[in-house]
Amino acid sequence: MDTKIQGKDAMCEIQTPHETPTDDKQIQSCVHEICVLVCVCLCGAAVLDKQCNELMLMKYGRLVDVEALQTLSGNRTLEELKQEKLQREAAYAKEIKQWDAKVEEAHQALMDVTKCNTERLLSVTNLFDQKKELDHKLNARQKKMGRQFQDYRRRMDQEEIRRLQALVKTQSQQAEALRREIGLLSRKGGHVLPPSYAPLPPLAPLPTPADRKQGPARPSKLLKAQNSPSRHGAI
């Protein structure tokens, strides 16, 4: 390629000499020189082309378009940038895929925790409802027991009042009989004998709340109290 360019430059120099020939002999001489020079240039160019082709075959194994290589060498940087871009895009796509997997895993874990917390919240709500229902039942039962205790206390009080009234009436009758007998014996001037009827039963103490819970006293205790020696000594 360089030989061809040099041949063309030489022909241009020969065709534009500084001095114009004046006779035919000089013109023929110039033409002959030009022809010889052209032949030499063409032969040199052919030899150089052959050597270039042989070197291409030895190095690459085939003929290579030099102009195409020059064009590609000019865009080599662009191709490298394109390859680097593709590699980065592949790396970014891989990293994004990994992060998507992590996000999906975290989302699934969040769903599991939310489900577990929801179940626990429902359990706590059910327990609160059960506690509220039990408190309501307990309050109702306590009110019912309170009313029953009040009714029982009222009934026991009424029974105790009736018993005391009967006891007072009996003691009044006995006292009246004793007064009559004493008066009768005093008028006759005789001795006053002890009464022939049974002694009055002792007054029972008023029941306390603890006694009401235990129930009424047993008759055996009253009999023991009535038959005690202290009672007979007092009579």
C-alpha atoms as a PDB file:
ATOM      1  CA  MET A   1       0.000   0.000   0.000  1.00  0.00           C
ATOM      2  CA  ASP A   2       2.836   2.422   0.824  1.00  0.00           C
ATOM      3  CA  THR A   3       4.659   1.431  -2.426  1.00  0.00           C
ATOM      4  CA  LYS A   4       1.591   2.286  -4.514  1.00  0.00           C
ATOM      5  CA  ILE A   5       1.328   5.679  -2.885  1.00  0.00           C
ATOM      6  CA  GLN A   6       5.008   6.379  -3.474  1.00  0.00           C
ATOM      7  CA  GLY A   7       4.638   5.356  -7.159  1.00  0.00           C
ATOM      8  CA  LYS A   8       1.711   7.688  -7.621  1.00  0.00           C
ATOM      9  CA  ASP A   9       3.632  10.539  -6.016  1.00  0.00           C
ATOM     10  CA  ALA A  10       6.605   9.874  -8.340  1.00  0.00           C
ATOM     11  CA  MET A  11       4.366   9.901 -11.396  1.00  0.00           C
ATOM     12  CA  CYS A  12       2.885  13.200 -10.280  1.00  0.00           C
ATOM     13  CA  GLU A  13       6.355  14.643  -9.887  1.00  0.00           C
ATOM     14  CA  ILE A  14       7.367  13.369 -13.335  1.00  0.00           C
ATOM     15  CA  GLN A  15       4.210  14.702 -14.937  1.00  0.00           C
ATOM     16  CA  THR A  16       4.773  18.157 -13.442  1.00  0.00           C
ATOM     17  CA  PRO A  17       8.460  18.863 -14.012  1.00  0.00           C
ATOM     18  CA  HIS A  18       9.925  22.260 -13.438  1.00  0.00           C
ATOM     19  CA  GLU A  19      11.271  22.454 -17.028  1.00  0.00           C
ATOM     20  CA  THR A  20       9.149  21.620 -20.074  1.00  0.00           C
ATOM     21  CA  PRO A  21      10.989  19.556 -22.737  1.00  0.00           C
ATOM     22  CA  THR A  22      11.412  21.287 -26.035  1.00  0.00           C
ATOM     23  CA  ASP A  23      12.092  18.434 -28.418  1.00  0.00           C
ATOM     24  CA  ASP A  24      10.752  14.960 -29.069  1.00  0.00           C
ATOM     25  CA  LYS A  25      13.836  13.172 -27.810  1.00  0.00           C
ATOM     26  CA  GLN A  26      13.425  14.595 -24.386  1.00  0.00           C
ATOM     27  CA  ILE A  27       9.733  13.726 -24.403  1.00  0.00           C
ATOM     28  CA  GLN A  28      10.410  10.127 -25.384  1.00  0.00           C
ATOM     29  CA  SER A  29      13.100   9.885 -22.728  1.00  0.00           C
ATOM     30  CA  CYS A  30      10.704  11.124 -20.087  1.00  0.00           C
ATOM     31  CA  VAL A  31       7.990   8.736 -21.241  1.00  0.00           C
ATOM     32  CA  HIS A  32      10.429   5.818 -21.125  1.00  0.00           C
ATOM     33  CA  GLU A  33      11.524   6.726 -17.631  1.00  0.00           C
ATOM     34  CA  ILE A  34       7.933   7.004 -16.552  1.00  0.00           C
ATOM     35  CA  CYS A  35       7.073   3.588 -17.970  1.00  0.00           C
ATOM     36  CA  VAL A  36      10.084   1.986 -16.291  1.00  0.00           C
ATOM     37  CA  LEU A  37       9.215   3.629 -13.010  1.00  0.00           C
ATOM     38  CA  VAL A  38       5.595   2.506 -13.265  1.00  0.00           C
ATOM     39  CA  CYS A  39       6.637  -1.068 -13.974  1.00  0.00           C
ATOM     40  CA  VAL A  40       8.991  -1.056 -11.032  1.00  0.00           C
ATOM     41  CA  CYS A  41       6.280   0.327  -8.793  1.00  0.00           C
ATOM     42  CA  LEU A  42       3.736  -2.213  -9.989  1.00  0.00           C
ATOM     43  CA  CYS A  43       6.154  -5.091  -9.524  1.00  0.00           C
ATOM     44  CA  GLY A  44       7.076  -3.852  -6.071  1.00  0.00           C
ATOM     45  CA  ALA A  45       3.437  -3.489  -5.150  1.00  0.00           C
ATOM     46  CA  ALA A  46       2.683  -7.024  -6.336  1.00  0.00           C
ATOM     47  CA  VAL A  47       5.614  -8.396  -4.350  1.00  0.00           C
ATOM     48  CA  LEU A  48       4.542  -6.491  -1.262  1.00  0.00           C
ATOM     49  CA  ASP A  49       0.956  -7.689  -1.625  1.00  0.00           C
ATOM     50  CA  LYS A  50       2.177 -11.264  -1.955  1.00  0.00           C
ATOM     51  CA  GLN A  51       4.374 -10.938   1.126  1.00  0.00           C
ATOM     52  CA  CYS A  52       1.519  -9.373   3.071  1.00  0.00           C
ATOM     53  CA  ASN A  53      -0.832 -12.213   2.104  1.00  0.00           C
ATOM     54  CA  GLU A  54       1.761 -14.822   3.110  1.00  0.00           C
ATOM     55  CA  LEU A  55       2.216 -13.167   6.500  1.00  0.00           C
ATOM     56  CA  MET A  56      -1.569 -13.089   7.016  1.00  0.00           C
ATOM     57  CA  LEU A  57      -1.829 -16.793   6.177  1.00  0.00           C
ATOM     58  CA  MET A  58       1.029 -17.623   8.544  1.00  0.00           C
ATOM     59  CA  LYS A  59      -0.356 -15.569  11.425  1.00  0.00           C
ATOM     60  CA  TYR A  60      -4.142 -15.859  11.081  1.00  0.00           C
ATOM     61  CA  GLY A  61      -4.528 -18.850   8.747  1.00  0.00           C
ATOM     62  CA  ARG A  62      -6.608 -16.809   6.341  1.00  0.00           C
ATOM     63  CA  LEU A  63      -6.640 -13.496   4.522  1.00  0.00           C
ATOM     64  CA  VAL A  64      -7.835 -10.573   6.590  1.00  0.00           C
ATOM     65  CA  ASP A  65      -9.347  -7.338   5.331  1.00  0.00           C
ATOM     66  CA  VAL A  66      -6.985  -4.678   6.638  1.00  0.00           C
ATOM     67  CA  GLU A  67      -9.456  -1.849   6.118  1.00  0.00           C
ATOM     68  CA  ALA A  68     -12.118  -3.758   8.071  1.00  0.00           C
ATOM     69  CA  LEU A  69      -9.592  -4.361  10.852  1.00  0.00           C
ATOM     70  CA  GLN A  70      -8.790  -0.680  10.927  1.00  0.00           C
ATOM     71  CA  THR A  71     -12.504   0.104  11.171  1.00  0.00           C
ATOM     72  CA  LEU A  72     -12.973  -2.441  13.960  1.00  0.00           C
ATOM     73  CA  SER A  73      -9.898  -1.222  15.820  1.00  0.00           C
ATOM     74  CA  GLY A  74     -11.434   2.229  15.872  1.00  0.00           C
ATOM     75  CA  ASN A  75     -14.589   0.830  17.540  1.00  0.00           C
ATOM     76  CA  ARG A  76     -12.725  -1.469  19.927  1.00  0.00           C
ATOM     77  CA  THR A  77     -13.237   0.827  22.894  1.00  0.00           C
ATOM     78  CA  LEU A  78     -16.952   0.979  22.154  1.00  0.00           C
ATOM     79  CA  GLU A  79     -17.148  -2.803  21.967  1.00  0.00           C
ATOM     80  CA  GLU A  80     -15.288  -3.124  25.252  1.00  0.00           C
ATOM     81  CA  LEU A  81     -17.719  -0.703  26.857  1.00  0.00           C
ATOM     82  CA  LYS A  82     -20.637  -2.704  25.467  1.00  0.00           C
ATOM     83  CA  GLN A  83     -19.200  -5.936  26.868  1.00  0.00           C
ATOM     84  CA  GLU A  84     -18.591  -4.294  30.226  1.00  0.00           C
ATOM     85  CA  LYS A  85     -22.159  -3.004  30.197  1.00  0.00           C
ATOM     86  CA  LEU A  86     -23.523  -6.485  29.477  1.00  0.00           C
ATOM     87  CA  GLN A  87     -21.419  -7.989  32.257  1.00  0.00           C
ATOM     88  CA  ARG A  88     -22.590  -5.374  34.736  1.00  0.00           C
ATOM     89  CA  GLU A  89     -26.212  -5.869  33.691  1.00  0.00           C
ATOM     90  CA  ALA A  90     -25.846  -9.617  34.227  1.00  0.00           C
ATOM     91  CA  ALA A  91     -24.261  -9.045  37.657  1.00  0.00           C
ATOM     92  CA  TYR A  92     -26.979  -6.562  38.600  1.00  0.00           C
ATOM     93  CA  ALA A  93     -29.700  -8.948  37.420  1.00  0.00           C
ATOM     94  CA  LYS A  94     -28.199 -11.741  39.535  1.00  0.00           C
ATOM     95  CA  GLU A  95     -27.977  -9.486  42.587  1.00  0.00           C
ATOM     96  CA  ILE A  96     -31.552  -8.267  42.077  1.00  0.00           C
ATOM     97  CA  LYS A  97     -32.707 -11.882  41.848  1.00  0.00           C
ATOM     98  CA  GLN A  98     -30.958 -12.673  45.127  1.00  0.00           C
ATOM     99  CA  TRP A  99     -32.522  -9.646  46.814  1.00  0.00           C
ATOM    100  CA  ASP A 100     -35.936 -10.620  45.452  1.00  0.00           C
ATOM    101  CA  ALA A 101     -35.501 -14.059  47.022  1.00  0.00           C
ATOM    102  CA  LYS A 102     -34.512 -12.463  50.343  1.00  0.00           C
ATOM    103  CA  VAL A 103     -37.494 -10.094  50.204  1.00  0.00           C
ATOM    104  CA  GLU A 104     -39.826 -13.001  49.469  1.00  0.00           C
ATOM    105  CA  GLU A 105     -38.372 -14.959  52.373  1.00  0.00           C
ATOM    106  CA  ALA A 106     -38.746 -11.982  54.728  1.00  0.00           C
ATOM    107  CA  HIS A 107     -42.309 -11.428  53.498  1.00  0.00           C
ATOM    108  CA  GLN A 108     -43.161 -15.071  54.180  1.00  0.00           C
ATOM    109  CA  ALA A 109     -41.627 -14.836  57.656  1.00  0.00           C
ATOM    110  CA  LEU A 110     -43.652 -11.677  58.305  1.00  0.00           C
ATOM    111  CA  MET A 111     -46.829 -13.442  57.208  1.00  0.00           C
ATOM    112  CA  ASP A 112     -46.091 -16.366  59.535  1.00  0.00           C
ATOM    113  CA  VAL A 113     -45.428 -14.056  62.490  1.00  0.00           C
ATOM    114  CA  THR A 114     -48.572 -12.045  61.719  1.00  0.00           C
ATOM    115  CA  LYS A 115     -50.637 -15.242  61.576  1.00  0.00           C
ATOM    116  CA  CYS A 116     -49.176 -16.455  64.878  1.00  0.00           C
ATOM    117  CA  ASN A 117     -49.815 -13.092  66.570  1.00  0.00           C
ATOM    118  CA  THR A 118     -53.364 -13.043  65.210  1.00  0.00           C
ATOM    119  CA  GLU A 119     -54.033 -16.495  66.669  1.00  0.00           C
ATOM    120  CA  ARG A 120     -52.598 -15.398  70.008  1.00  0.00           C
ATOM    121  CA  LEU A 121     -54.710 -12.248  69.965  1.00  0.00           C
ATOM    122  CA  LEU A 122     -57.819 -14.326  69.298  1.00  0.00           C
ATOM    123  CA  SER A 123     -56.887 -16.656  72.168  1.00  0.00           C
ATOM    124  CA  VAL A 124     -56.393 -13.704  74.523  1.00  0.00           C
ATOM    125  CA  THR A 125     -59.722 -12.243  73.409  1.00  0.00           C
ATOM    126  CA  ASN A 126     -61.467 -15.564  74.061  1.00  0.00           C
ATOM    127  CA  LEU A 127     -59.863 -15.781  77.499  1.00  0.00           C
ATOM    128  CA  PHE A 128     -61.027 -12.255  78.327  1.00  0.00           C
ATOM    129  CA  ASP A 129     -64.551 -13.149  77.202  1.00  0.00           C
ATOM    130  CA  GLN A 130     -64.510 -16.301  79.332  1.00  0.00           C
ATOM    131  CA  LYS A 131     -63.193 -14.341  82.319  1.00  0.00           C
ATOM    132  CA  LYS A 132     -65.918 -11.743  81.864  1.00  0.00           C
ATOM    133  CA  GLU A 133     -68.571 -14.460  81.702  1.00  0.00           C
ATOM    134  CA  LEU A 134     -67.169 -16.193  84.799  1.00  0.00           C
ATOM    135  CA  ASP A 135     -67.074 -12.883  86.693  1.00  0.00           C
ATOM    136  CA  HIS A 136     -70.688 -12.275  85.749  1.00  0.00           C
ATOM    137  CA  LYS A 137     -71.694 -15.759  86.927  1.00  0.00           C
ATOM    138  CA  LEU A 138     -69.694 -15.335  90.144  1.00  0.00           C
ATOM    139  CA  ASN A 139     -71.320 -11.982  90.887  1.00  0.00           C
ATOM    140  CA  ALA A 140     -74.755 -13.433  90.203  1.00  0.00           C
ATOM    141  CA  ARG A 141     -74.049 -16.410  92.477  1.00  0.00           C
ATOM    142  CA  GLN A 142     -72.706 -14.156  95.230  1.00  0.00           C
ATOM    143  CA  LYS A 143     -75.810 -11.996  95.003  1.00  0.00           C
ATOM    144  CA  LYS A 144     -77.980 -15.101  95.139  1.00  0.00           C
ATOM    145  CA  MET A 145     -76.068 -16.454  98.131  1.00  0.00           C
ATOM    146  CA  GLY A 146     -76.295 -13.055  99.789  1.00  0.00           C
ATOM    147  CA  ARG A 147     -80.061 -13.036  99.339  1.00  0.00           C
ATOM    148  CA  GLN A 148     -80.275 -16.605 100.607  1.00  0.00           C
ATOM    149  CA  PHE A 149     -78.164 -15.712 103.644  1.00  0.00           C
ATOM    150  CA  GLN A 150     -80.333 -12.681 104.326  1.00  0.00           C
ATOM    151  CA  ASP A 151     -83.471 -14.795 104.006  1.00  0.00           C
ATOM    152  CA  TYR A 152     -81.984 -17.443 106.301  1.00  0.00           C
ATOM    153  CA  ARG A 153     -80.931 -14.811 108.816  1.00  0.00           C
ATOM    154  CA  ARG A 154     -84.362 -13.207 108.707  1.00  0.00           C
ATOM    155  CA  ARG A 155     -86.012 -16.589 109.187  1.00  0.00           C
ATOM    156  CA  MET A 156     -83.704 -17.457 112.086  1.00  0.00           C
ATOM    157  CA  ASP A 157     -84.362 -14.085 113.670  1.00  0.00           C
ATOM    158  CA  GLN A 158     -88.097 -14.607 113.362  1.00  0.00           C
ATOM    159  CA  GLU A 159     -87.838 -18.088 114.868  1.00  0.00           C
ATOM    160  CA  GLU A 160     -85.679 -16.765 117.702  1.00  0.00           C
ATOM    161  CA  ILE A 161     -88.171 -13.965 118.343  1.00  0.00           C
ATOM    162  CA  ARG A 162     -91.052 -16.437 118.478  1.00  0.00           C
ATOM    163  CA  ARG A 163     -89.082 -18.712 120.791  1.00  0.00           C
ATOM    164  CA  LEU A 164     -88.232 -15.830 123.098  1.00  0.00           C
ATOM    165  CA  GLN A 165     -91.829 -14.645 123.099  1.00  0.00           C
ATOM    166  CA  ALA A 166     -93.006 -18.123 124.024  1.00  0.00           C
ATOM    167  CA  LEU A 167     -90.358 -18.358 126.747  1.00  0.00           C
ATOM    168  CA  VAL A 168     -91.341 -14.980 128.188  1.00  0.00           C
ATOM    169  CA  LYS A 169     -94.981 -16.000 128.162  1.00  0.00           C
ATOM    170  CA  THR A 170     -94.214 -19.274 129.927  1.00  0.00           C
ATOM    171  CA  GLN A 171     -92.031 -17.575 132.529  1.00  0.00           C
ATOM    172  CA  SER A 172     -94.736 -14.975 133.110  1.00  0.00           C
ATOM    173  CA  GLN A 173     -97.306 -17.700 133.680  1.00  0.00           C
ATOM    174  CA  GLN A 174     -94.993 -19.554 136.063  1.00  0.00           C
ATOM    175  CA  ALA A 175     -94.171 -16.357 137.939  1.00  0.00           C
ATOM    176  CA  GLU A 176     -97.875 -15.581 138.275  1.00  0.00           C
ATOM    177  CA  ALA A 177     -98.554 -19.080 139.583  1.00  0.00           C
ATOM    178  CA  LEU A 178     -95.731 -18.746 142.105  1.00  0.00           C
ATOM    179  CA  ARG A 179     -97.055 -15.431 143.326  1.00  0.00           C
ATOM    180  CA  ARG A 180    -100.531 -16.901 143.817  1.00  0.00           C
ATOM    181  CA  GLU A 181     -99.174 -19.898 145.666  1.00  0.00           C
ATOM    182  CA  ILE A 182     -96.964 -17.728 147.880  1.00  0.00           C
ATOM    183  CA  GLY A 183     -99.878 -15.440 148.648  1.00  0.00           C
ATOM    184  CA  LEU A 184    -102.117 -18.375 149.458  1.00  0.00           C
ATOM    185  CA  LEU A 185     -99.597 -19.959 151.786  1.00  0.00           C
ATOM    186  CA  SER A 186     -98.868 -16.655 153.473  1.00  0.00           C
ATOM    187  CA  ARG A 187    -102.496 -16.180 154.311  1.00  0.00           C
ATOM    188  CA  LYS A 188    -102.760 -19.686 155.737  1.00  0.00           C
ATOM    189  CA  GLY A 189     -99.547 -19.277 157.734  1.00  0.00           C
ATOM    190  CA  GLY A 190     -97.918 -22.403 156.295  1.00  0.00           C
ATOM    191  CA  HIS A 191     -94.484 -22.939 154.949  1.00  0.00           C
ATOM    192  CA  VAL A 192     -93.707 -22.166 151.359  1.00  0.00           C
ATOM    193  CA  LEU A 193     -92.826 -25.347 149.503  1.00  0.00           C
ATOM    194  CA  PRO A 194     -90.833 -25.407 146.294  1.00  0.00           C
ATOM    195  CA  PRO A 195     -92.922 -25.657 143.198  1.00  0.00           C
ATOM    196  CA  SER A 196     -93.901 -29.132 142.083  1.00  0.00           C
ATOM    197  CA  TYR A 197     -93.606 -28.351 138.377  1.00  0.00           C
ATOM    198  CA  ALA A 198     -90.450 -28.642 136.308  1.00  0.00           C
ATOM    199  CA  PRO A 199     -87.972 -25.783 136.353  1.00  0.00           C
ATOM    200  CA  LEU A 200     -87.891 -23.342 133.554  1.00  0.00           C
ATOM    201  CA  PRO A 201     -85.351 -23.979 130.789  1.00  0.00           C
ATOM    202  CA  PRO A 202     -82.404 -21.576 130.682  1.00  0.00           C
ATOM    203  CA  LEU A 203     -82.316 -18.801 128.175  1.00  0.00           C
ATOM    204  CA  ALA A 204     -80.256 -19.752 125.174  1.00  0.00           C
ATOM    205  CA  PRO A 205     -77.753 -17.150 123.942  1.00  0.00           C
ATOM    206  CA  LEU A 206     -78.558 -15.328 120.769  1.00  0.00           C
ATOM    207  CA  PRO A 207     -77.056 -17.050 117.742  1.00  0.00           C
ATOM    208  CA  THR A 208     -74.012 -15.437 116.191  1.00  0.00           C
ATOM    209  CA  PRO A 209     -73.291 -15.440 112.433  1.00  0.00           C
ATOM    210  CA  ALA A 210     -70.831 -18.316 112.989  1.00  0.00           C
ATOM    211  CA  ASP A 211     -73.528 -20.268 114.865  1.00  0.00           C
ATOM    212  CA  ARG A 212     -75.995 -19.606 112.058  1.00  0.00           C
ATOM    213  CA  LYS A 213     -73.531 -21.012 109.527  1.00  0.00           C
ATOM    214  CA  GLN A 214     -73.074 -24.136 111.704  1.00  0.00           C
ATOM    215  CA  GLY A 215     -76.806 -24.539 112.111  1.00  0.00           C
ATOM    216  CA  PRO A 216     -79.064 -24.645 115.188  1.00  0.00           C
ATOM    217  CA  ALA A 217     -77.711 -26.131 118.420  1.00  0.00           C
ATOM    218  CA  ARG A 218     -78.338 -29.799 119.076  1.00  0.00           C
ATOM    219  CA  PRO A 219     -80.989 -30.758 121.693  1.00  0.00           C
ATOM    220  CA  SER A 220     -78.428 -32.835 123.609  1.00  0.00           C
ATOM    221  CA  LYS A 221     -76.502 -29.708 124.552  1.00  0.00           C
ATOM    222  CA  LEU A 222     -79.655 -28.060 125.884  1.00  0.00           C
ATOM    223  CA  LEU A 223     -80.469 -31.143 127.931  1.00  0.00           C
ATOM    224  CA  LYS A 224     -76.968 -31.230 129.400  1.00  0.00           C
ATOM    225  CA  ALA A 225     -77.250 -27.553 130.299  1.00  0.00           C
ATOM    226  CA  GLN A 226     -80.625 -28.141 131.975  1.00  0.00           C
ATOM    227  CA  ASN A 227     -79.488 -31.225 133.898  1.00  0.00           C
ATOM    228  CA  SER A 228     -76.185 -29.778 135.087  1.00  0.00           C
ATOM    229  CA  PRO A 229     -75.524 -29.761 138.917  1.00  0.00           C
ATOM    230  CA  SER A 230     -75.222 -26.022 139.014  1.00  0.00           C
ATOM    231  CA  ARG A 231     -78.752 -25.766 137.697  1.00  0.00           C
ATOM    232  CA  HIS A 232     -80.171 -28.093 140.366  1.00  0.00           C
ATOM    233  CA  GLY A 233     -78.229 -26.338 143.106  1.00  0.00           C
ATOM    234  CA  ALA A 234     -79.681 -23.029 142.094  1.00  0.00           C
ATOM    235  CA  ILE A 235     -83.168 -24.464 142.323  1.00  0.00           C
END
